Amino acid sequence: MIKYNPKSWVTMIFALHKSDTLRILWKELIYIALLSTGIAWVEITYFPENRVLTNLNIVYSLVGFVISLLLVFRTNTAYDRWWEGRKKWGELVNDSRNLAVKIKTLNLSREDQLFFSRMISNFAVASKDHLKKEAILNNLNLTTEEIARLNQEEHIPVSIVELMYERLNQLKKAGVIQWEEYLVLDKNLNGFIDMIGACERIRNTPIPYSYSLFIKKFIFIYTGTLPIAFVGLLGYFSVAVTVLVFYVLVSMEILAEEIEDPFGLDDNDLPTDELSERIKSNISKILR
């Protein structure tokens, strides 16, 4: 995730970061400029006084308004997914701290405290890698037995929660913790499973294909034919207008595509590496 100063207008206006859509779209901007120039040349050469084509600018203004509404909905939907993902990771930070504080106040052995310290941190790291579809076990703090156990599991984060539940049940049967204390800890462990389930829903449910396909085709047809309506008013300056409109509309679609899956490696994705390290650091300090 890119960290920046939102009040620094000059820096942001002239910055050309690798995630900037201008760097992403420069080839497409050249193509649309060449297409627009060709359309403008044909219209100026063969249809110089065609009033029907000139009056099309009213229709294109209305169509442009419709596209803007579609893109607003598209961008808002993508941002809602990004923000929900951030809230779920915020809940994981809070549940991890709460669970660690509660475990610290119980009369547990040092071995049990270290076990929960490792597993809470492991869950955060495993969740981060699971959502990115990366290898998981190599980044976890596990014993040989735990590695052998988790190697057989398909869903590592849930299996880590299962290990914590097994340890809690052992402690409850041994009389180390009471039923009421078990229920208090159960609430935070349930929060872990709810969090990873919600994040998987966001990752595995992209915007419907037909909707995304329609928006892309709509933008291309609209911008590709835009010079037809404006050559009569602007001449070859309609090429610059077309390129600008194309850049704005396609940039909005690209940004929406980038943030609708907030758990990847794009520049604007959530800082899950940083959040998992923060959880690991907090838990180590609480249960040190």
C-alpha atoms as a PDB file:
ATOM      1  CA  MET A   1       0.000   0.000   0.000  1.00  0.00           C
ATOM      2  CA  ILE A   2       1.330   3.436  -0.957  1.00  0.00           C
ATOM      3  CA  LYS A   3       1.811   5.876   1.913  1.00  0.00           C
ATOM      4  CA  TYR A   4       1.545   9.522   0.951  1.00  0.00           C
ATOM      5  CA  ASN A   5       0.691  13.006   2.170  1.00  0.00           C
ATOM      6  CA  PRO A   6      -2.828  13.817   0.872  1.00  0.00           C
ATOM      7  CA  LYS A   7      -2.234  17.542   1.452  1.00  0.00           C
ATOM      8  CA  SER A   8       0.732  17.723  -0.918  1.00  0.00           C
ATOM      9  CA  TRP A   9      -1.097  18.697  -4.110  1.00  0.00           C
ATOM     10  CA  VAL A  10       1.946  19.650  -6.177  1.00  0.00           C
ATOM     11  CA  THR A  11       3.764  16.397  -5.426  1.00  0.00           C
ATOM     12  CA  MET A  12       0.719  14.290  -6.267  1.00  0.00           C
ATOM     13  CA  ILE A  13      -0.105  16.167  -9.481  1.00  0.00           C
ATOM     14  CA  PHE A  14       3.348  15.775 -10.995  1.00  0.00           C
ATOM     15  CA  ALA A  15       4.192  12.355  -9.544  1.00  0.00           C
ATOM     16  CA  LEU A  16       4.432   9.466 -12.018  1.00  0.00           C
ATOM     17  CA  HIS A  17       4.345   6.429  -9.760  1.00  0.00           C
ATOM     18  CA  LYS A  18       4.330   2.996 -11.387  1.00  0.00           C
ATOM     19  CA  SER A  19       0.665   2.628 -10.380  1.00  0.00           C
ATOM     20  CA  ASP A  20      -0.259   5.862 -12.138  1.00  0.00           C
ATOM     21  CA  THR A  21      -2.761   5.131 -14.885  1.00  0.00           C
ATOM     22  CA  LEU A  22      -0.890   7.399 -17.308  1.00  0.00           C
ATOM     23  CA  ARG A  23       2.048   4.994 -17.241  1.00  0.00           C
ATOM     24  CA  ILE A  24      -0.289   2.045 -17.611  1.00  0.00           C
ATOM     25  CA  LEU A  25      -2.348   3.468 -20.484  1.00  0.00           C
ATOM     26  CA  TRP A  26       0.195   5.356 -22.597  1.00  0.00           C
ATOM     27  CA  LYS A  27       0.075   2.793 -25.436  1.00  0.00           C
ATOM     28  CA  GLU A  28      -3.725   2.770 -25.457  1.00  0.00           C
ATOM     29  CA  LEU A  29      -3.733   6.579 -25.500  1.00  0.00           C
ATOM     30  CA  ILE A  30      -1.579   6.532 -28.633  1.00  0.00           C
ATOM     31  CA  TYR A  31      -3.895   4.010 -30.290  1.00  0.00           C
ATOM     32  CA  ILE A  32      -7.022   6.012 -29.504  1.00  0.00           C
ATOM     33  CA  ALA A  33      -5.297   9.200 -30.735  1.00  0.00           C
ATOM     34  CA  LEU A  34      -4.480   7.537 -34.073  1.00  0.00           C
ATOM     35  CA  LEU A  35      -8.018   6.178 -34.386  1.00  0.00           C
ATOM     36  CA  SER A  36      -9.505   9.574 -33.569  1.00  0.00           C
ATOM     37  CA  THR A  37      -7.206  11.311 -36.056  1.00  0.00           C
ATOM     38  CA  GLY A  38      -8.296   8.915 -38.795  1.00  0.00           C
ATOM     39  CA  ILE A  39     -11.986   9.483 -38.051  1.00  0.00           C
ATOM     40  CA  ALA A  40     -11.468  13.244 -37.946  1.00  0.00           C
ATOM     41  CA  TRP A  41      -9.622  13.210 -41.299  1.00  0.00           C
ATOM     42  CA  VAL A  42     -12.389  11.191 -42.965  1.00  0.00           C
ATOM     43  CA  GLU A  43     -15.120  13.475 -41.653  1.00  0.00           C
ATOM     44  CA  ILE A  44     -13.288  16.704 -42.519  1.00  0.00           C
ATOM     45  CA  THR A  45     -12.388  15.414 -45.978  1.00  0.00           C
ATOM     46  CA  TYR A  46     -15.628  13.745 -47.049  1.00  0.00           C
ATOM     47  CA  PHE A  47     -18.368  15.155 -44.772  1.00  0.00           C
ATOM     48  CA  PRO A  48     -17.332  18.760 -44.085  1.00  0.00           C
ATOM     49  CA  GLU A  49     -20.844  20.240 -43.914  1.00  0.00           C
ATOM     50  CA  ASN A  50     -22.834  17.346 -42.482  1.00  0.00           C
ATOM     51  CA  ARG A  51     -25.158  18.903 -39.891  1.00  0.00           C
ATOM     52  CA  VAL A  52     -26.423  15.516 -38.721  1.00  0.00           C
ATOM     53  CA  LEU A  53     -22.975  14.515 -37.513  1.00  0.00           C
ATOM     54  CA  THR A  54     -22.454  17.898 -35.865  1.00  0.00           C
ATOM     55  CA  ASN A  55     -25.737  17.618 -33.942  1.00  0.00           C
ATOM     56  CA  LEU A  56     -24.675  14.262 -32.513  1.00  0.00           C
ATOM     57  CA  ASN A  57     -22.768  16.092 -29.746  1.00  0.00           C
ATOM     58  CA  ILE A  58     -26.044  16.379 -27.804  1.00  0.00           C
ATOM     59  CA  VAL A  59     -26.525  12.610 -27.916  1.00  0.00           C
ATOM     60  CA  TYR A  60     -22.917  11.984 -26.869  1.00  0.00           C
ATOM     61  CA  SER A  61     -23.310  14.375 -23.943  1.00  0.00           C
ATOM     62  CA  LEU A  62     -26.257  12.322 -22.678  1.00  0.00           C
ATOM     63  CA  VAL A  63     -24.405   9.043 -23.213  1.00  0.00           C
ATOM     64  CA  GLY A  64     -21.385  10.443 -21.369  1.00  0.00           C
ATOM     65  CA  PHE A  65     -23.639  11.214 -18.391  1.00  0.00           C
ATOM     66  CA  VAL A  66     -24.868   7.607 -18.373  1.00  0.00           C
ATOM     67  CA  ILE A  67     -21.280   6.281 -18.456  1.00  0.00           C
ATOM     68  CA  SER A  68     -20.319   8.542 -15.574  1.00  0.00           C
ATOM     69  CA  LEU A  69     -23.147   7.099 -13.461  1.00  0.00           C
ATOM     70  CA  LEU A  70     -22.054   3.559 -14.276  1.00  0.00           C
ATOM     71  CA  LEU A  71     -18.454   4.328 -13.343  1.00  0.00           C
ATOM     72  CA  VAL A  72     -19.497   5.980 -10.075  1.00  0.00           C
ATOM     73  CA  PHE A  73     -21.379   2.818  -9.139  1.00  0.00           C
ATOM     74  CA  ARG A  74     -18.419   0.688 -10.259  1.00  0.00           C
ATOM     75  CA  THR A  75     -15.898   2.688  -8.244  1.00  0.00           C
ATOM     76  CA  ASN A  76     -18.079   2.803  -5.131  1.00  0.00           C
ATOM     77  CA  THR A  77     -18.617  -0.945  -5.274  1.00  0.00           C
ATOM     78  CA  ALA A  78     -14.867  -1.584  -5.581  1.00  0.00           C
ATOM     79  CA  TYR A  79     -14.058   0.815  -2.722  1.00  0.00           C
ATOM     80  CA  ASP A  80     -16.668  -0.831  -0.494  1.00  0.00           C
ATOM     81  CA  ARG A  81     -14.875  -4.142  -1.005  1.00  0.00           C
ATOM     82  CA  TRP A  82     -11.502  -2.530  -0.228  1.00  0.00           C
ATOM     83  CA  TRP A  83     -12.834  -0.837   2.901  1.00  0.00           C
ATOM     84  CA  GLU A  84     -14.619  -3.967   4.133  1.00  0.00           C
ATOM     85  CA  GLY A  85     -11.345  -5.863   3.796  1.00  0.00           C
ATOM     86  CA  ARG A  86      -9.591  -3.189   5.859  1.00  0.00           C
ATOM     87  CA  LYS A  87     -12.276  -3.366   8.545  1.00  0.00           C
ATOM     88  CA  LYS A  88     -11.942  -7.130   8.756  1.00  0.00           C
ATOM     89  CA  TRP A  89      -8.201  -6.854   9.260  1.00  0.00           C
ATOM     90  CA  GLY A  90      -8.822  -4.187  11.882  1.00  0.00           C
ATOM     91  CA  GLU A  91     -11.131  -6.629  13.652  1.00  0.00           C
ATOM     92  CA  LEU A  92      -8.382  -9.258  13.524  1.00  0.00           C
ATOM     93  CA  VAL A  93      -5.944  -6.838  15.165  1.00  0.00           C
ATOM     94  CA  ASN A  94      -8.456  -6.161  17.957  1.00  0.00           C
ATOM     95  CA  ASP A  95      -9.430  -9.829  18.434  1.00  0.00           C
ATOM     96  CA  SER A  96      -5.759 -10.828  18.585  1.00  0.00           C
ATOM     97  CA  ARG A  97      -4.976  -8.266  21.264  1.00  0.00           C
ATOM     98  CA  ASN A  98      -8.103  -9.109  23.255  1.00  0.00           C
ATOM     99  CA  LEU A  99      -7.361 -12.824  23.146  1.00  0.00           C
ATOM    100  CA  ALA A 100      -3.741 -12.290  24.203  1.00  0.00           C
ATOM    101  CA  VAL A 101      -4.743 -10.036  27.124  1.00  0.00           C
ATOM    102  CA  LYS A 102      -7.333 -12.565  28.341  1.00  0.00           C
ATOM    103  CA  ILE A 103      -4.849 -15.442  28.100  1.00  0.00           C
ATOM    104  CA  LYS A 104      -2.278 -13.439  30.045  1.00  0.00           C
ATOM    105  CA  THR A 105      -4.715 -12.980  32.954  1.00  0.00           C
ATOM    106  CA  LEU A 106      -5.413 -16.730  33.189  1.00  0.00           C
ATOM    107  CA  ASN A 107      -3.387 -19.069  35.367  1.00  0.00           C
ATOM    108  CA  LEU A 108      -1.640 -20.758  32.458  1.00  0.00           C
ATOM    109  CA  SER A 109       1.812 -22.290  32.337  1.00  0.00           C
ATOM    110  CA  ARG A 110       4.581 -20.559  30.450  1.00  0.00           C
ATOM    111  CA  GLU A 111       4.410 -23.288  27.819  1.00  0.00           C
ATOM    112  CA  ASP A 112       0.698 -22.660  27.218  1.00  0.00           C
ATOM    113  CA  GLN A 113       1.211 -18.907  27.001  1.00  0.00           C
ATOM    114  CA  LEU A 114       3.979 -19.335  24.431  1.00  0.00           C
ATOM    115  CA  PHE A 115       1.777 -21.737  22.462  1.00  0.00           C
ATOM    116  CA  PHE A 116      -1.025 -19.188  22.160  1.00  0.00           C
ATOM    117  CA  SER A 117       1.471 -16.416  21.422  1.00  0.00           C
ATOM    118  CA  ARG A 118       2.808 -18.423  18.483  1.00  0.00           C
ATOM    119  CA  MET A 119      -0.595 -19.505  17.205  1.00  0.00           C
ATOM    120  CA  ILE A 120      -2.206 -16.075  17.295  1.00  0.00           C
ATOM    121  CA  SER A 121       0.720 -14.654  15.340  1.00  0.00           C
ATOM    122  CA  ASN A 122       0.695 -17.664  13.018  1.00  0.00           C
ATOM    123  CA  PHE A 123      -2.973 -17.126  12.229  1.00  0.00           C
ATOM    124  CA  ALA A 124      -2.346 -13.547  11.090  1.00  0.00           C
ATOM    125  CA  VAL A 125       0.595 -14.558   8.879  1.00  0.00           C
ATOM    126  CA  ALA A 126      -1.223 -17.605   7.508  1.00  0.00           C
ATOM    127  CA  SER A 127      -4.311 -15.527   6.708  1.00  0.00           C
ATOM    128  CA  LYS A 128      -2.214 -12.992   4.842  1.00  0.00           C
ATOM    129  CA  ASP A 129      -0.460 -15.643   2.760  1.00  0.00           C
ATOM    130  CA  HIS A 130      -3.678 -17.610   2.233  1.00  0.00           C
ATOM    131  CA  LEU A 131      -5.448 -14.566   0.778  1.00  0.00           C
ATOM    132  CA  LYS A 132      -2.464 -13.882  -1.499  1.00  0.00           C
ATOM    133  CA  LYS A 133      -2.391 -17.561  -2.537  1.00  0.00           C
ATOM    134  CA  GLU A 134       1.230 -17.886  -1.453  1.00  0.00           C
ATOM    135  CA  ALA A 135       3.070 -20.671   0.369  1.00  0.00           C
ATOM    136  CA  ILE A 136       2.089 -20.564   4.026  1.00  0.00           C
ATOM    137  CA  LEU A 137       3.961 -23.022   6.254  1.00  0.00           C
ATOM    138  CA  ASN A 138       7.422 -21.622   5.503  1.00  0.00           C
ATOM    139  CA  ASN A 139       6.544 -18.323   7.217  1.00  0.00           C
ATOM    140  CA  LEU A 140       5.056 -19.802  10.397  1.00  0.00           C
ATOM    141  CA  ASN A 141       6.582 -20.491  13.806  1.00  0.00           C
ATOM    142  CA  LEU A 142       5.701 -24.182  14.250  1.00  0.00           C
ATOM    143  CA  THR A 143       7.002 -27.277  15.950  1.00  0.00           C
ATOM    144  CA  THR A 144       7.756 -30.441  13.977  1.00  0.00           C
ATOM    145  CA  GLU A 145       4.486 -32.027  15.121  1.00  0.00           C
ATOM    146  CA  GLU A 146       2.480 -28.962  14.149  1.00  0.00           C
ATOM    147  CA  ILE A 147       4.091 -28.846  10.700  1.00  0.00           C
ATOM    148  CA  ALA A 148       3.204 -32.518  10.133  1.00  0.00           C
ATOM    149  CA  ARG A 149      -0.359 -31.829  11.245  1.00  0.00           C
ATOM    150  CA  LEU A 150      -0.877 -28.720   9.128  1.00  0.00           C
ATOM    151  CA  ASN A 151       0.726 -30.319   6.069  1.00  0.00           C
ATOM    152  CA  GLN A 152      -2.333 -32.539   5.847  1.00  0.00           C
ATOM    153  CA  GLU A 153      -4.817 -29.678   6.022  1.00  0.00           C
ATOM    154  CA  GLU A 154      -6.276 -27.754   3.100  1.00  0.00           C
ATOM    155  CA  HIS A 155      -7.165 -24.578   5.025  1.00  0.00           C
ATOM    156  CA  ILE A 156      -4.190 -23.614   7.193  1.00  0.00           C
ATOM    157  CA  PRO A 157      -5.711 -20.562   8.986  1.00  0.00           C
ATOM    158  CA  VAL A 158      -8.772 -22.524  10.123  1.00  0.00           C
ATOM    159  CA  SER A 159      -6.550 -25.432  11.158  1.00  0.00           C
ATOM    160  CA  ILE A 160      -4.507 -23.075  13.355  1.00  0.00           C
ATOM    161  CA  VAL A 161      -7.708 -21.984  15.089  1.00  0.00           C
ATOM    162  CA  GLU A 162      -8.550 -25.684  15.510  1.00  0.00           C
ATOM    163  CA  LEU A 163      -5.200 -26.230  17.256  1.00  0.00           C
ATOM    164  CA  MET A 164      -6.018 -23.406  19.685  1.00  0.00           C
ATOM    165  CA  TYR A 165      -9.456 -24.882  20.381  1.00  0.00           C
ATOM    166  CA  GLU A 166      -7.880 -28.276  21.079  1.00  0.00           C
ATOM    167  CA  ARG A 167      -5.480 -26.705  23.594  1.00  0.00           C
ATOM    168  CA  LEU A 168      -8.346 -24.831  25.267  1.00  0.00           C
ATOM    169  CA  ASN A 169     -10.380 -28.022  25.569  1.00  0.00           C
ATOM    170  CA  GLN A 170      -7.398 -29.767  27.165  1.00  0.00           C
ATOM    171  CA  LEU A 171      -7.019 -26.936  29.644  1.00  0.00           C
ATOM    172  CA  LYS A 172     -10.745 -26.986  30.404  1.00  0.00           C
ATOM    173  CA  LYS A 173     -10.747 -30.765  31.011  1.00  0.00           C
ATOM    174  CA  ALA A 174      -7.703 -30.386  33.262  1.00  0.00           C
ATOM    175  CA  GLY A 175      -9.528 -27.753  35.298  1.00  0.00           C
ATOM    176  CA  VAL A 176      -6.970 -25.028  34.476  1.00  0.00           C
ATOM    177  CA  ILE A 177      -9.686 -22.789  33.010  1.00  0.00           C
ATOM    178  CA  GLN A 178     -13.369 -22.678  33.826  1.00  0.00           C
ATOM    179  CA  TRP A 179     -16.315 -22.927  31.448  1.00  0.00           C
ATOM    180  CA  GLU A 180     -17.001 -19.205  31.717  1.00  0.00           C
ATOM    181  CA  GLU A 181     -13.391 -18.391  30.807  1.00  0.00           C
ATOM    182  CA  TYR A 182     -13.600 -20.781  27.876  1.00  0.00           C
ATOM    183  CA  LEU A 183     -16.669 -18.951  26.544  1.00  0.00           C
ATOM    184  CA  VAL A 184     -14.891 -15.599  26.811  1.00  0.00           C
ATOM    185  CA  LEU A 185     -11.965 -16.890  24.742  1.00  0.00           C
ATOM    186  CA  ASP A 186     -14.318 -18.619  22.309  1.00  0.00           C
ATOM    187  CA  LYS A 187     -15.749 -15.251  21.214  1.00  0.00           C
ATOM    188  CA  ASN A 188     -12.366 -14.027  19.944  1.00  0.00           C
ATOM    189  CA  LEU A 189     -11.530 -17.324  18.228  1.00  0.00           C
ATOM    190  CA  ASN A 190     -14.878 -17.198  16.441  1.00  0.00           C
ATOM    191  CA  GLY A 191     -13.895 -13.706  15.311  1.00  0.00           C
ATOM    192  CA  PHE A 192     -10.795 -15.195  13.668  1.00  0.00           C
ATOM    193  CA  ILE A 193     -12.881 -17.601  11.578  1.00  0.00           C
ATOM    194  CA  ASP A 194     -15.443 -14.926  10.712  1.00  0.00           C
ATOM    195  CA  MET A 195     -12.649 -12.636   9.544  1.00  0.00           C
ATOM    196  CA  ILE A 196     -11.000 -15.121   7.176  1.00  0.00           C
ATOM    197  CA  GLY A 197     -14.401 -16.162   5.824  1.00  0.00           C
ATOM    198  CA  ALA A 198     -15.374 -12.570   5.038  1.00  0.00           C
ATOM    199  CA  CYS A 199     -12.034 -11.904   3.329  1.00  0.00           C
ATOM    200  CA  GLU A 200     -12.390 -15.054   1.228  1.00  0.00           C
ATOM    201  CA  ARG A 201     -15.841 -13.886   0.153  1.00  0.00           C
ATOM    202  CA  ILE A 202     -14.361 -10.598  -1.040  1.00  0.00           C
ATOM    203  CA  ARG A 203     -11.482 -12.305  -2.858  1.00  0.00           C
ATOM    204  CA  ASN A 204     -13.526 -15.067  -4.482  1.00  0.00           C
ATOM    205  CA  THR A 205     -16.492 -12.978  -5.634  1.00  0.00           C
ATOM    206  CA  PRO A 206     -15.403 -10.482  -8.311  1.00  0.00           C
ATOM    207  CA  ILE A 207     -17.808  -8.144 -10.050  1.00  0.00           C
ATOM    208  CA  PRO A 208     -20.087 -10.142 -12.423  1.00  0.00           C
ATOM    209  CA  TYR A 209     -18.381 -10.812 -15.745  1.00  0.00           C
ATOM    210  CA  SER A 210     -21.242  -9.470 -17.879  1.00  0.00           C
ATOM    211  CA  TYR A 211     -21.214  -6.160 -16.011  1.00  0.00           C
ATOM    212  CA  SER A 212     -17.464  -5.707 -16.363  1.00  0.00           C
ATOM    213  CA  LEU A 213     -17.602  -6.692 -20.052  1.00  0.00           C
ATOM    214  CA  PHE A 214     -20.409  -4.238 -20.749  1.00  0.00           C
ATOM    215  CA  ILE A 215     -18.587  -1.315 -19.132  1.00  0.00           C
ATOM    216  CA  LYS A 216     -15.404  -1.965 -21.126  1.00  0.00           C
ATOM    217  CA  LYS A 217     -17.267  -2.250 -24.427  1.00  0.00           C
ATOM    218  CA  PHE A 218     -19.387   0.788 -23.631  1.00  0.00           C
ATOM    219  CA  ILE A 219     -16.315   2.936 -22.889  1.00  0.00           C
ATOM    220  CA  PHE A 220     -14.479   1.780 -26.031  1.00  0.00           C
ATOM    221  CA  ILE A 221     -17.436   2.371 -28.364  1.00  0.00           C
ATOM    222  CA  TYR A 222     -18.192   5.741 -26.799  1.00  0.00           C
ATOM    223  CA  THR A 223     -14.637   7.100 -26.931  1.00  0.00           C
ATOM    224  CA  GLY A 224     -13.828   5.451 -30.268  1.00  0.00           C
ATOM    225  CA  THR A 225     -16.707   7.210 -31.987  1.00  0.00           C
ATOM    226  CA  LEU A 226     -16.523  10.455 -30.012  1.00  0.00           C
ATOM    227  CA  PRO A 227     -14.735  12.422 -32.781  1.00  0.00           C
ATOM    228  CA  ILE A 228     -17.722  11.866 -35.107  1.00  0.00           C
ATOM    229  CA  ALA A 229     -19.803  14.223 -32.983  1.00  0.00           C
ATOM    230  CA  PHE A 230     -17.173  16.862 -32.227  1.00  0.00           C
ATOM    231  CA  VAL A 231     -15.097  17.226 -35.393  1.00  0.00           C
ATOM    232  CA  GLY A 232     -17.663  19.676 -36.799  1.00  0.00           C
ATOM    233  CA  LEU A 233     -17.206  21.905 -33.732  1.00  0.00           C
ATOM    234  CA  LEU A 234     -13.543  21.397 -32.851  1.00  0.00           C
ATOM    235  CA  GLY A 235     -11.865  20.067 -35.978  1.00  0.00           C
ATOM    236  CA  TYR A 236      -8.694  18.159 -35.180  1.00  0.00           C
ATOM    237  CA  PHE A 237      -8.853  19.417 -31.584  1.00  0.00           C
ATOM    238  CA  SER A 238     -11.499  16.720 -31.113  1.00  0.00           C
ATOM    239  CA  VAL A 239      -8.608  14.229 -31.051  1.00  0.00           C
ATOM    240  CA  ALA A 240      -7.240  15.783 -27.848  1.00  0.00           C
ATOM    241  CA  VAL A 241     -10.724  15.805 -26.305  1.00  0.00           C
ATOM    242  CA  THR A 242     -11.197  12.126 -27.182  1.00  0.00           C
ATOM    243  CA  VAL A 243      -7.844  11.136 -25.683  1.00  0.00           C
ATOM    244  CA  LEU A 244      -8.635  13.044 -22.471  1.00  0.00           C
ATOM    245  CA  VAL A 245     -12.096  11.483 -22.119  1.00  0.00           C
ATOM    246  CA  PHE A 246     -10.677   8.020 -22.829  1.00  0.00           C
ATOM    247  CA  TYR A 247      -7.945   8.523 -20.208  1.00  0.00           C
ATOM    248  CA  VAL A 248     -10.417   9.614 -17.530  1.00  0.00           C
ATOM    249  CA  LEU A 249     -12.984   6.877 -18.133  1.00  0.00           C
ATOM    250  CA  VAL A 250     -10.549   3.982 -18.521  1.00  0.00           C
ATOM    251  CA  SER A 251      -8.509   5.164 -15.517  1.00  0.00           C
ATOM    252  CA  MET A 252     -11.584   4.930 -13.323  1.00  0.00           C
ATOM    253  CA  GLU A 253     -12.208   1.380 -14.502  1.00  0.00           C
ATOM    254  CA  ILE A 254      -8.556   0.377 -13.930  1.00  0.00           C
ATOM    255  CA  LEU A 255      -8.559   1.816 -10.404  1.00  0.00           C
ATOM    256  CA  ALA A 256     -11.774  -0.032  -9.604  1.00  0.00           C
ATOM    257  CA  GLU A 257     -10.291  -3.297 -10.874  1.00  0.00           C
ATOM    258  CA  GLU A 258      -7.195  -2.801  -8.728  1.00  0.00           C
ATOM    259  CA  ILE A 259      -8.929  -2.162  -5.410  1.00  0.00           C
ATOM    260  CA  GLU A 260     -11.822  -4.628  -5.739  1.00  0.00           C
ATOM    261  CA  ASP A 261      -9.414  -7.417  -4.671  1.00  0.00           C
ATOM    262  CA  PRO A 262      -7.543  -5.712  -1.796  1.00  0.00           C
ATOM    263  CA  PHE A 263      -5.449  -8.701  -0.691  1.00  0.00           C
ATOM    264  CA  GLY A 264      -3.038  -8.978  -3.611  1.00  0.00           C
ATOM    265  CA  LEU A 265       0.312  -7.353  -4.405  1.00  0.00           C
ATOM    266  CA  ASP A 266      -0.882  -4.209  -6.214  1.00  0.00           C
ATOM    267  CA  ASP A 267       0.334  -0.846  -4.961  1.00  0.00           C
ATOM    268  CA  ASN A 268      -3.087   0.133  -3.640  1.00  0.00           C
ATOM    269  CA  ASP A 269      -3.882  -3.184  -1.947  1.00  0.00           C
ATOM    270  CA  LEU A 270      -4.131  -3.469   1.816  1.00  0.00           C
ATOM    271  CA  PRO A 271      -0.862  -3.593   3.818  1.00  0.00           C
ATOM    272  CA  THR A 272      -1.527  -7.104   5.118  1.00  0.00           C
ATOM    273  CA  ASP A 273       2.206  -7.766   5.585  1.00  0.00           C
ATOM    274  CA  GLU A 274       2.477  -4.739   7.843  1.00  0.00           C
ATOM    275  CA  LEU A 275      -0.712  -5.625   9.737  1.00  0.00           C
ATOM    276  CA  SER A 276       0.381  -9.212  10.361  1.00  0.00           C
ATOM    277  CA  GLU A 277       3.763  -8.002  11.633  1.00  0.00           C
ATOM    278  CA  ARG A 278       1.997  -5.527  13.906  1.00  0.00           C
ATOM    279  CA  ILE A 279      -0.139  -8.325  15.339  1.00  0.00           C
ATOM    280  CA  LYS A 280       2.947 -10.472  15.853  1.00  0.00           C
ATOM    281  CA  SER A 281       4.748  -7.650  17.643  1.00  0.00           C
ATOM    282  CA  ASN A 282       1.754  -6.803  19.854  1.00  0.00           C
ATOM    283  CA  ILE A 283       1.177 -10.391  20.889  1.00  0.00           C
ATOM    284  CA  SER A 284       4.851 -10.908  21.695  1.00  0.00           C
ATOM    285  CA  LYS A 285       4.821  -7.863  23.967  1.00  0.00           C
ATOM    286  CA  ILE A 286       1.599  -8.855  25.699  1.00  0.00           C
ATOM    287  CA  LEU A 287       2.642 -12.484  26.317  1.00  0.00           C
ATOM    288  CA  ARG A 288       6.375 -11.889  26.728  1.00  0.00           C
END
